[in-house]
Structure formats: C-alpha cells, structure tokens
N, C-alpha and C. Protein backbone atom coordinates (compact mmCIF):
# COMPACT_ATOMS: atom_id res chain seq x y z
N MET A 1 115.05 94.96 97.54
CA MET A 1 113.63 94.67 97.61
C MET A 1 113.00 95.54 98.69
N PHE A 2 111.77 95.97 98.45
CA PHE A 2 111.04 96.77 99.42
C PHE A 2 109.97 95.92 100.09
N TYR A 3 109.82 96.13 101.38
CA TYR A 3 108.80 95.48 102.17
C TYR A 3 107.89 96.57 102.72
N GLY A 4 106.58 96.36 102.63
CA GLY A 4 105.64 97.37 103.07
C GLY A 4 104.84 96.93 104.28
N LEU A 5 104.73 97.83 105.24
CA LEU A 5 103.92 97.61 106.44
C LEU A 5 102.82 98.65 106.48
N ASP A 6 101.59 98.23 106.70
CA ASP A 6 100.48 99.15 106.91
C ASP A 6 100.11 99.10 108.38
N GLN A 7 99.96 100.28 108.97
CA GLN A 7 99.57 100.35 110.37
C GLN A 7 98.05 100.28 110.47
N ASN A 8 97.55 99.40 111.31
CA ASN A 8 96.13 99.33 111.62
C ASN A 8 95.82 100.41 112.66
N ASN A 9 94.71 101.11 112.50
CA ASN A 9 94.39 102.16 113.47
C ASN A 9 93.71 101.57 114.70
N SER A 10 94.41 100.71 115.37
CA SER A 10 93.91 100.04 116.55
C SER A 10 93.53 101.07 117.61
N GLY A 11 92.31 100.95 118.11
CA GLY A 11 91.82 101.91 119.09
C GLY A 11 91.30 103.19 118.46
N GLY A 12 91.25 103.23 117.13
CA GLY A 12 90.69 104.39 116.44
C GLY A 12 91.69 105.48 116.08
N SER A 13 92.97 105.21 116.24
CA SER A 13 93.97 106.23 115.88
C SER A 13 95.24 105.56 115.38
N PHE A 14 96.00 106.35 114.65
CA PHE A 14 97.31 105.91 114.18
C PHE A 14 98.39 106.52 115.06
N ILE A 15 99.52 105.84 115.18
CA ILE A 15 100.69 106.42 115.81
C ILE A 15 101.49 107.10 114.70
N VAL A 16 101.75 108.38 114.86
CA VAL A 16 102.56 109.14 113.91
C VAL A 16 103.60 109.89 114.71
N ASP A 17 104.86 109.62 114.40
CA ASP A 17 105.96 110.34 115.06
C ASP A 17 107.07 110.52 114.03
N ASP A 18 108.27 110.75 114.48
CA ASP A 18 109.36 110.99 113.52
C ASP A 18 109.87 109.69 112.87
N LYS A 19 109.29 108.55 113.22
CA LYS A 19 109.73 107.28 112.64
C LYS A 19 108.62 106.52 111.93
N VAL A 20 107.41 106.52 112.49
CA VAL A 20 106.33 105.73 111.91
C VAL A 20 105.16 106.62 111.49
N CYS A 21 104.41 106.11 110.54
CA CYS A 21 103.16 106.73 110.09
C CYS A 21 102.29 105.59 109.56
N HIS A 22 101.29 105.90 108.77
CA HIS A 22 100.36 104.87 108.31
C HIS A 22 101.07 103.74 107.55
N ARG A 23 101.96 104.09 106.61
CA ARG A 23 102.65 103.08 105.80
C ARG A 23 104.16 103.26 105.89
N LEU A 24 104.84 102.13 105.96
CA LEU A 24 106.30 102.14 105.92
C LEU A 24 106.73 101.23 104.78
N PHE A 25 107.64 101.71 103.96
CA PHE A 25 108.31 100.88 102.96
C PHE A 25 109.76 100.78 103.40
N ILE A 26 110.24 99.56 103.56
CA ILE A 26 111.60 99.33 104.04
C ILE A 26 112.37 98.54 102.99
N GLU A 27 113.46 99.13 102.53
CA GLU A 27 114.33 98.43 101.59
C GLU A 27 115.28 97.55 102.40
N ALA A 28 115.28 96.27 102.12
CA ALA A 28 116.12 95.34 102.88
C ALA A 28 116.45 94.13 102.02
N ASN A 29 117.47 93.42 102.43
CA ASN A 29 117.89 92.22 101.70
C ASN A 29 117.03 91.00 101.99
N SER A 30 116.27 91.07 103.09
CA SER A 30 115.43 89.93 103.46
C SER A 30 114.28 90.40 104.34
N GLU A 31 113.29 89.55 104.47
CA GLU A 31 112.16 89.87 105.34
C GLU A 31 112.63 90.01 106.79
N ASP A 32 113.56 89.16 107.22
CA ASP A 32 114.08 89.26 108.59
C ASP A 32 114.75 90.62 108.82
N ALA A 33 115.51 91.10 107.83
CA ALA A 33 116.16 92.41 107.97
C ALA A 33 115.12 93.52 108.01
N ALA A 34 114.04 93.38 107.24
CA ALA A 34 112.97 94.37 107.26
C ALA A 34 112.26 94.38 108.62
N ILE A 35 112.03 93.20 109.18
CA ILE A 35 111.41 93.10 110.51
C ILE A 35 112.29 93.77 111.56
N ALA A 36 113.59 93.52 111.50
CA ALA A 36 114.53 94.13 112.46
C ALA A 36 114.50 95.65 112.33
N LYS A 37 114.48 96.17 111.11
CA LYS A 37 114.42 97.62 110.89
C LYS A 37 113.10 98.17 111.42
N ALA A 38 111.99 97.49 111.15
CA ALA A 38 110.69 97.93 111.64
C ALA A 38 110.68 98.00 113.17
N GLU A 39 111.26 97.00 113.81
CA GLU A 39 111.33 97.02 115.28
C GLU A 39 112.18 98.18 115.77
N ASP A 40 113.28 98.48 115.07
CA ASP A 40 114.11 99.65 115.43
C ASP A 40 113.33 100.95 115.33
N LEU A 41 112.37 100.98 114.41
CA LEU A 41 111.56 102.18 114.22
C LEU A 41 110.44 102.30 115.25
N GLY A 42 110.17 101.23 115.98
CA GLY A 42 109.13 101.26 117.01
C GLY A 42 107.94 100.37 116.73
N CYS A 43 107.97 99.62 115.65
CA CYS A 43 106.89 98.66 115.38
C CYS A 43 107.00 97.51 116.38
N TYR A 44 105.88 96.96 116.73
CA TYR A 44 105.84 95.84 117.66
C TYR A 44 104.80 94.86 117.15
N TRP A 45 104.87 93.65 117.65
CA TRP A 45 104.01 92.58 117.16
C TRP A 45 103.16 92.05 118.30
N GLU A 46 102.02 91.49 117.97
CA GLU A 46 101.11 90.88 118.95
C GLU A 46 100.72 91.86 120.05
N GLY A 47 100.33 93.06 119.61
CA GLY A 47 99.96 94.13 120.55
C GLY A 47 98.70 93.84 121.35
N VAL A 48 97.75 93.11 120.78
CA VAL A 48 96.54 92.77 121.52
C VAL A 48 96.89 91.85 122.68
N ALA A 49 97.68 90.81 122.40
CA ALA A 49 98.08 89.85 123.45
C ALA A 49 98.86 90.54 124.56
N ALA A 50 99.62 91.57 124.21
CA ALA A 50 100.42 92.30 125.20
C ALA A 50 99.62 93.39 125.91
N GLY A 51 98.36 93.60 125.51
CA GLY A 51 97.54 94.63 126.13
C GLY A 51 97.81 96.04 125.62
N ARG A 52 98.56 96.17 124.54
CA ARG A 52 98.89 97.49 123.98
C ARG A 52 97.85 97.97 122.96
N ASP A 53 97.20 97.02 122.29
CA ASP A 53 96.27 97.36 121.21
C ASP A 53 94.86 96.92 121.56
N CYS A 54 93.91 97.53 120.89
CA CYS A 54 92.49 97.25 121.11
C CYS A 54 92.13 95.85 120.63
N PRO A 55 91.54 95.02 121.50
CA PRO A 55 91.18 93.67 121.08
C PRO A 55 90.09 93.64 120.01
N CYS A 56 89.24 94.65 119.95
CA CYS A 56 88.20 94.70 118.90
C CYS A 56 88.80 95.07 117.55
N CYS A 57 89.75 95.98 117.55
CA CYS A 57 90.35 96.47 116.29
C CYS A 57 91.48 95.58 115.79
N GLY A 58 92.16 94.95 116.70
CA GLY A 58 93.26 94.08 116.33
C GLY A 58 94.62 94.72 116.51
N ASP A 59 95.63 93.94 116.19
CA ASP A 59 97.02 94.39 116.34
C ASP A 59 97.30 95.60 115.45
N ARG A 60 98.05 96.54 115.99
CA ARG A 60 98.47 97.72 115.22
C ARG A 60 99.43 97.33 114.10
N TRP A 61 100.36 96.47 114.39
CA TRP A 61 101.37 96.05 113.41
C TRP A 61 101.34 94.54 113.26
N SER A 62 101.69 94.09 112.09
CA SER A 62 101.77 92.67 111.81
C SER A 62 103.03 92.43 110.99
N THR A 63 103.62 91.26 111.15
CA THR A 63 104.82 90.95 110.36
C THR A 63 104.45 90.45 108.97
N TYR A 64 103.16 90.53 108.61
CA TYR A 64 102.78 90.26 107.24
C TYR A 64 103.13 91.50 106.41
N PHE A 65 104.00 91.35 105.44
CA PHE A 65 104.43 92.47 104.62
C PHE A 65 103.67 92.50 103.30
N ASP A 66 103.26 93.71 102.90
CA ASP A 66 102.72 93.90 101.56
C ASP A 66 103.81 93.66 100.55
N ASP A 67 103.43 93.17 99.41
CA ASP A 67 104.39 92.94 98.34
C ASP A 67 104.60 94.24 97.59
N CYS A 68 105.76 94.82 97.72
CA CYS A 68 106.10 96.07 97.05
C CYS A 68 106.96 95.82 95.82
N ASN A 69 106.83 94.65 95.23
CA ASN A 69 107.59 94.30 94.04
C ASN A 69 106.90 94.94 92.84
N LEU A 70 107.46 96.05 92.34
CA LEU A 70 106.83 96.78 91.25
C LEU A 70 106.69 95.93 89.99
N GLU A 71 107.63 95.06 89.75
CA GLU A 71 107.54 94.19 88.58
C GLU A 71 106.28 93.34 88.65
N LYS A 72 106.01 92.80 89.82
CA LYS A 72 104.82 91.97 90.01
C LYS A 72 103.55 92.82 89.96
N ILE A 73 103.57 93.99 90.59
CA ILE A 73 102.41 94.89 90.58
C ILE A 73 102.08 95.32 89.15
N ASN A 74 103.11 95.62 88.38
CA ASN A 74 102.92 96.13 87.03
C ASN A 74 102.66 95.04 85.98
N GLU A 75 102.83 93.80 86.37
CA GLU A 75 102.71 92.70 85.41
C GLU A 75 101.41 92.77 84.61
N LYS A 76 100.31 92.98 85.30
CA LYS A 76 99.01 93.06 84.64
C LYS A 76 98.45 94.49 84.66
N GLY A 77 99.16 95.39 85.30
CA GLY A 77 98.65 96.74 85.46
C GLY A 77 97.86 96.85 86.75
N TYR A 78 97.81 98.03 87.30
CA TYR A 78 97.10 98.28 88.56
C TYR A 78 95.76 98.91 88.19
N ARG A 79 94.68 98.23 88.48
CA ARG A 79 93.34 98.68 88.09
C ARG A 79 92.88 99.82 88.99
N VAL A 80 92.46 100.92 88.37
CA VAL A 80 91.94 102.08 89.11
C VAL A 80 90.66 102.55 88.44
N GLY A 81 89.73 103.02 89.24
CA GLY A 81 88.47 103.45 88.67
C GLY A 81 87.77 104.53 89.48
N ILE A 82 86.81 105.16 88.83
CA ILE A 82 85.96 106.18 89.43
C ILE A 82 84.51 105.80 89.13
N TYR A 83 83.69 105.72 90.16
CA TYR A 83 82.28 105.38 89.97
C TYR A 83 81.51 106.57 89.39
N ASP A 84 80.38 106.26 88.76
CA ASP A 84 79.62 107.28 88.04
C ASP A 84 78.87 108.25 88.94
N HIS A 85 78.84 108.03 90.24
CA HIS A 85 78.15 109.00 91.11
C HIS A 85 79.00 110.24 91.39
N TYR A 86 80.28 110.22 91.00
CA TYR A 86 81.13 111.41 91.13
C TYR A 86 80.85 112.35 89.97
N PRO A 87 80.92 113.66 90.21
CA PRO A 87 80.77 114.59 89.09
C PRO A 87 81.92 114.41 88.09
N ASN A 88 81.59 114.31 86.83
CA ASN A 88 82.54 114.22 85.74
C ASN A 88 83.64 113.17 86.00
N PRO A 89 83.26 111.90 86.06
CA PRO A 89 84.23 110.84 86.38
C PRO A 89 85.41 110.75 85.42
N GLU A 90 85.17 111.01 84.14
CA GLU A 90 86.28 110.94 83.17
C GLU A 90 87.36 111.96 83.50
N LYS A 91 86.93 113.17 83.81
CA LYS A 91 87.88 114.25 84.15
C LYS A 91 88.60 113.93 85.47
N LEU A 92 87.87 113.40 86.44
CA LEU A 92 88.47 113.05 87.73
C LEU A 92 89.48 111.91 87.55
N TRP A 93 89.14 110.92 86.71
CA TRP A 93 90.08 109.82 86.45
C TRP A 93 91.37 110.38 85.87
N GLU A 94 91.26 111.26 84.90
CA GLU A 94 92.45 111.86 84.27
C GLU A 94 93.26 112.66 85.30
N LYS A 95 92.59 113.38 86.16
CA LYS A 95 93.28 114.19 87.18
C LYS A 95 94.03 113.30 88.17
N LYS A 96 93.36 112.22 88.60
CA LYS A 96 93.97 111.35 89.60
C LYS A 96 95.04 110.42 89.04
N TYR A 97 94.82 109.90 87.84
CA TYR A 97 95.67 108.82 87.34
C TYR A 97 96.39 109.12 86.03
N GLY A 98 96.06 110.23 85.40
CA GLY A 98 96.61 110.53 84.08
C GLY A 98 98.11 110.76 84.05
N SER A 99 98.71 111.11 85.19
CA SER A 99 100.16 111.34 85.21
C SER A 99 100.96 110.04 85.32
N TYR A 100 100.28 108.94 85.62
CA TYR A 100 100.96 107.64 85.67
C TYR A 100 101.04 107.06 84.25
N THR A 101 101.89 106.09 84.08
CA THR A 101 101.96 105.39 82.80
C THR A 101 100.69 104.56 82.65
N ILE A 102 99.93 104.82 81.61
CA ILE A 102 98.66 104.13 81.40
C ILE A 102 98.91 102.86 80.60
N MET A 103 98.53 101.73 81.19
CA MET A 103 98.69 100.43 80.54
C MET A 103 97.43 100.02 79.79
N GLU A 104 96.29 100.50 80.27
CA GLU A 104 95.02 100.23 79.62
C GLU A 104 94.17 101.48 79.73
N SER A 105 93.79 102.03 78.60
CA SER A 105 92.99 103.26 78.59
C SER A 105 91.68 103.04 79.32
N PRO A 106 91.20 104.07 80.01
CA PRO A 106 89.95 103.91 80.77
C PRO A 106 88.74 103.71 79.85
N TYR A 107 87.76 102.98 80.37
CA TYR A 107 86.52 102.68 79.66
C TYR A 107 85.43 102.51 80.71
N TRP A 108 84.18 102.62 80.27
CA TRP A 108 83.05 102.43 81.18
C TRP A 108 82.75 100.95 81.33
N GLU A 109 82.53 100.53 82.59
CA GLU A 109 82.21 99.15 82.90
C GLU A 109 80.98 99.13 83.81
N ASN A 110 80.02 98.27 83.50
CA ASN A 110 78.86 98.08 84.36
C ASN A 110 79.20 97.00 85.36
N LYS A 111 78.96 97.31 86.64
CA LYS A 111 79.37 96.38 87.68
C LYS A 111 78.41 96.50 88.86
N TYR A 112 77.73 95.42 89.19
CA TYR A 112 76.87 95.36 90.37
C TYR A 112 75.88 96.53 90.44
N GLY A 113 75.31 96.92 89.32
CA GLY A 113 74.34 98.00 89.30
C GLY A 113 74.95 99.39 89.26
N PHE A 114 76.26 99.48 89.23
CA PHE A 114 76.95 100.76 89.12
C PHE A 114 77.74 100.79 87.83
N ARG A 115 78.05 101.99 87.40
CA ARG A 115 78.98 102.14 86.29
C ARG A 115 80.28 102.69 86.87
N GLU A 116 81.38 102.16 86.34
CA GLU A 116 82.71 102.60 86.79
C GLU A 116 83.57 102.88 85.57
N TYR A 117 84.29 104.00 85.64
CA TYR A 117 85.23 104.37 84.60
C TYR A 117 86.58 103.83 85.03
N VAL A 118 87.06 102.75 84.39
CA VAL A 118 88.24 102.03 84.85
C VAL A 118 89.33 101.96 83.79
N GLY A 119 90.54 101.87 84.26
CA GLY A 119 91.70 101.67 83.41
C GLY A 119 92.80 101.05 84.25
N LYS A 120 93.95 100.85 83.63
CA LYS A 120 95.08 100.28 84.36
C LYS A 120 96.30 101.18 84.19
N ILE A 121 97.01 101.33 85.30
CA ILE A 121 98.22 102.14 85.31
C ILE A 121 99.39 101.29 85.80
N LYS A 122 100.59 101.83 85.65
CA LYS A 122 101.75 101.15 86.22
C LYS A 122 102.61 102.19 86.93
N PHE A 123 103.49 101.70 87.78
CA PHE A 123 104.36 102.56 88.58
C PHE A 123 105.81 102.34 88.16
N ASN A 124 106.51 103.44 87.95
CA ASN A 124 107.90 103.36 87.49
C ASN A 124 108.90 103.32 88.64
N THR A 125 108.51 103.82 89.81
CA THR A 125 109.41 103.85 90.97
C THR A 125 108.62 103.53 92.23
N ILE A 126 109.31 103.16 93.27
CA ILE A 126 108.66 102.92 94.56
C ILE A 126 108.06 104.22 95.09
N GLU A 127 108.70 105.34 94.80
CA GLU A 127 108.19 106.64 95.23
C GLU A 127 106.85 106.95 94.54
N GLU A 128 106.75 106.59 93.28
CA GLU A 128 105.51 106.82 92.54
C GLU A 128 104.39 105.95 93.13
N TYR A 129 104.70 104.71 93.44
CA TYR A 129 103.71 103.82 94.07
C TYR A 129 103.30 104.36 95.43
N ALA A 130 104.26 104.83 96.21
CA ALA A 130 103.97 105.41 97.53
C ALA A 130 103.08 106.64 97.39
N GLN A 131 103.35 107.49 96.40
CA GLN A 131 102.53 108.68 96.18
C GLN A 131 101.10 108.29 95.82
N PHE A 132 100.97 107.29 94.98
CA PHE A 132 99.63 106.79 94.63
C PHE A 132 98.87 106.37 95.89
N LEU A 133 99.50 105.57 96.74
CA LEU A 133 98.84 105.10 97.96
C LEU A 133 98.50 106.26 98.89
N ALA A 134 99.40 107.23 99.02
CA ALA A 134 99.14 108.40 99.85
C ALA A 134 97.94 109.18 99.32
N ASP A 135 97.88 109.36 98.01
CA ASP A 135 96.77 110.10 97.41
C ASP A 135 95.45 109.35 97.54
N GLU A 136 95.49 108.03 97.45
CA GLU A 136 94.26 107.24 97.55
C GLU A 136 93.73 107.19 98.98
N TYR A 137 94.63 107.14 99.97
CA TYR A 137 94.21 106.91 101.34
C TYR A 137 94.49 108.09 102.26
N GLY A 138 95.67 108.62 102.26
CA GLY A 138 96.03 109.84 102.97
C GLY A 138 95.54 109.95 104.40
N TRP A 139 95.74 108.96 105.20
CA TRP A 139 95.20 108.96 106.56
C TRP A 139 96.11 109.62 107.59
N THR A 140 97.38 109.76 107.32
CA THR A 140 98.28 110.41 108.28
C THR A 140 99.16 111.41 107.54
N THR A 141 99.89 112.21 108.29
CA THR A 141 100.82 113.19 107.70
C THR A 141 102.18 112.98 108.34
N PRO A 142 103.17 112.47 107.60
CA PRO A 142 103.08 111.97 106.23
C PRO A 142 102.28 110.68 106.20
N ASP A 143 101.92 110.25 104.99
CA ASP A 143 101.18 109.00 104.87
C ASP A 143 102.10 107.81 104.66
N VAL A 144 103.26 108.05 104.03
CA VAL A 144 104.21 106.97 103.77
C VAL A 144 105.61 107.46 104.10
N ARG A 145 106.40 106.60 104.71
CA ARG A 145 107.84 106.84 104.84
C ARG A 145 108.55 105.69 104.17
N ILE A 146 109.53 106.04 103.35
CA ILE A 146 110.34 105.04 102.67
C ILE A 146 111.72 105.04 103.32
N TYR A 147 112.12 103.90 103.81
CA TYR A 147 113.45 103.73 104.42
C TYR A 147 114.32 102.95 103.45
N TYR A 148 115.37 103.60 102.99
CA TYR A 148 116.30 102.97 102.04
C TYR A 148 117.45 102.31 102.79
N LYS A 149 118.03 101.30 102.18
CA LYS A 149 119.17 100.59 102.80
C LYS A 149 120.33 101.52 103.10
N ASN A 150 120.52 102.56 102.28
CA ASN A 150 121.66 103.46 102.48
C ASN A 150 121.45 104.46 103.63
N GLY A 151 120.29 104.37 104.31
CA GLY A 151 120.01 105.24 105.44
C GLY A 151 119.13 106.44 105.11
N ASP A 152 118.91 106.71 103.82
CA ASP A 152 118.02 107.81 103.45
C ASP A 152 116.59 107.47 103.82
N VAL A 153 115.82 108.53 104.10
CA VAL A 153 114.41 108.40 104.41
C VAL A 153 113.66 109.42 103.57
N LYS A 154 112.58 109.00 102.95
CA LYS A 154 111.74 109.92 102.18
C LYS A 154 110.33 109.86 102.71
N GLU A 155 109.75 111.04 102.95
CA GLU A 155 108.37 111.12 103.39
C GLU A 155 107.49 111.47 102.21
N ILE A 156 106.34 110.81 102.14
CA ILE A 156 105.38 111.03 101.05
C ILE A 156 104.09 111.55 101.66
N PHE A 157 103.62 112.67 101.11
CA PHE A 157 102.40 113.31 101.60
C PHE A 157 101.31 113.23 100.54
N SER A 158 100.09 113.11 100.99
CA SER A 158 98.95 113.09 100.07
C SER A 158 98.84 114.44 99.36
N ASP A 159 98.58 114.39 98.07
CA ASP A 159 98.31 115.60 97.28
C ASP A 159 96.79 115.70 97.17
N ASN A 160 96.18 116.40 98.13
CA ASN A 160 94.73 116.46 98.19
C ASN A 160 94.10 117.08 96.95
N ASN A 161 94.80 117.98 96.28
CA ASN A 161 94.25 118.61 95.08
C ASN A 161 94.08 117.63 93.95
N ARG A 162 94.92 116.61 93.93
CA ARG A 162 94.88 115.61 92.88
C ARG A 162 93.68 114.68 93.03
N CYS A 163 93.19 114.57 94.24
CA CYS A 163 92.17 113.58 94.55
C CYS A 163 90.73 114.10 94.45
N LYS A 164 90.56 115.37 94.13
CA LYS A 164 89.20 115.94 94.11
C LYS A 164 88.81 116.32 92.71
C-alpha cells in the first residue's frame, strides 16, 4: 500500500533536498511504518507548536496521509477538466489527459456561469498517478518522490510541455 504526504509551504516555501520535496509516496505495510519512514526522511510533526513552522500558514507536515489506493481512486474515475477561458480547451484536454486511460469521454458542462470540458481518467500505476499530480501542480523539482519498500526511490518531474 502507498501512503502519500503533501508538504505545506509553511512560511512561503517548500523544503526540497535529496530526501523530501512537495509530495512523498511511501510504500509500507502500515500507516505506522509509513510515518516512521517519513520521519527518517526528515518529516516532522506539529512544527507550529515547536516554533519551526509559520503559525499563519500551518504545519509543514501532517500525519494525515492521502489515500493513494488506485483501486479506490479509479472506482468512479478521476474527474479532470479545462475551463472555456483557455484557448482551444478540447485540444488542451487531449494534450494533458489523452495519454491516460479514459473512463468517460470529455463533454461540455455548464457550471457556475462557466463552461468546462470534463471527462474522467484512471491511473494504471502509482507512477502514472504521481506524474499526473506533478503535471497538475509542479511546485518543486522533483515534485514527487516515490519510496518503495525494497529501497528503490523514483523521482517524478513535471512535464511542463504537457500542461500548456
């Protein structure tokens, strides 16, 4: 099972070094094992209370883990869309999401006074999901590190060409 941690940019910046970046995915047998691995990597908890993190921005790290269960994520499909204020939204949607497995073909939806070209995709691997997140957000370099139980580490970088 994979456990995901997102780093909050407490104080207006992210910590990026040879162990941590914006997102960490940790493969572990339990949440406790994932927490122990995160601490080994340099993550810490309750940073505001300890005076390490900005009280306005909040703690940099939290032991709340994102659910990286692809089966659960893919159950209904992952909804992705492009608003109509972008040039050629249909083409941009295809560029950004067309390489993923499409679970629901994109269509135009009216929402809150905007039009959005939306569809649903699914992820076949944790690496594919990590790449999606890096491309969508891309706040650090690398944007995601995946730590596998066998000791391997994979870094995922945003593909800026895919996002424009």
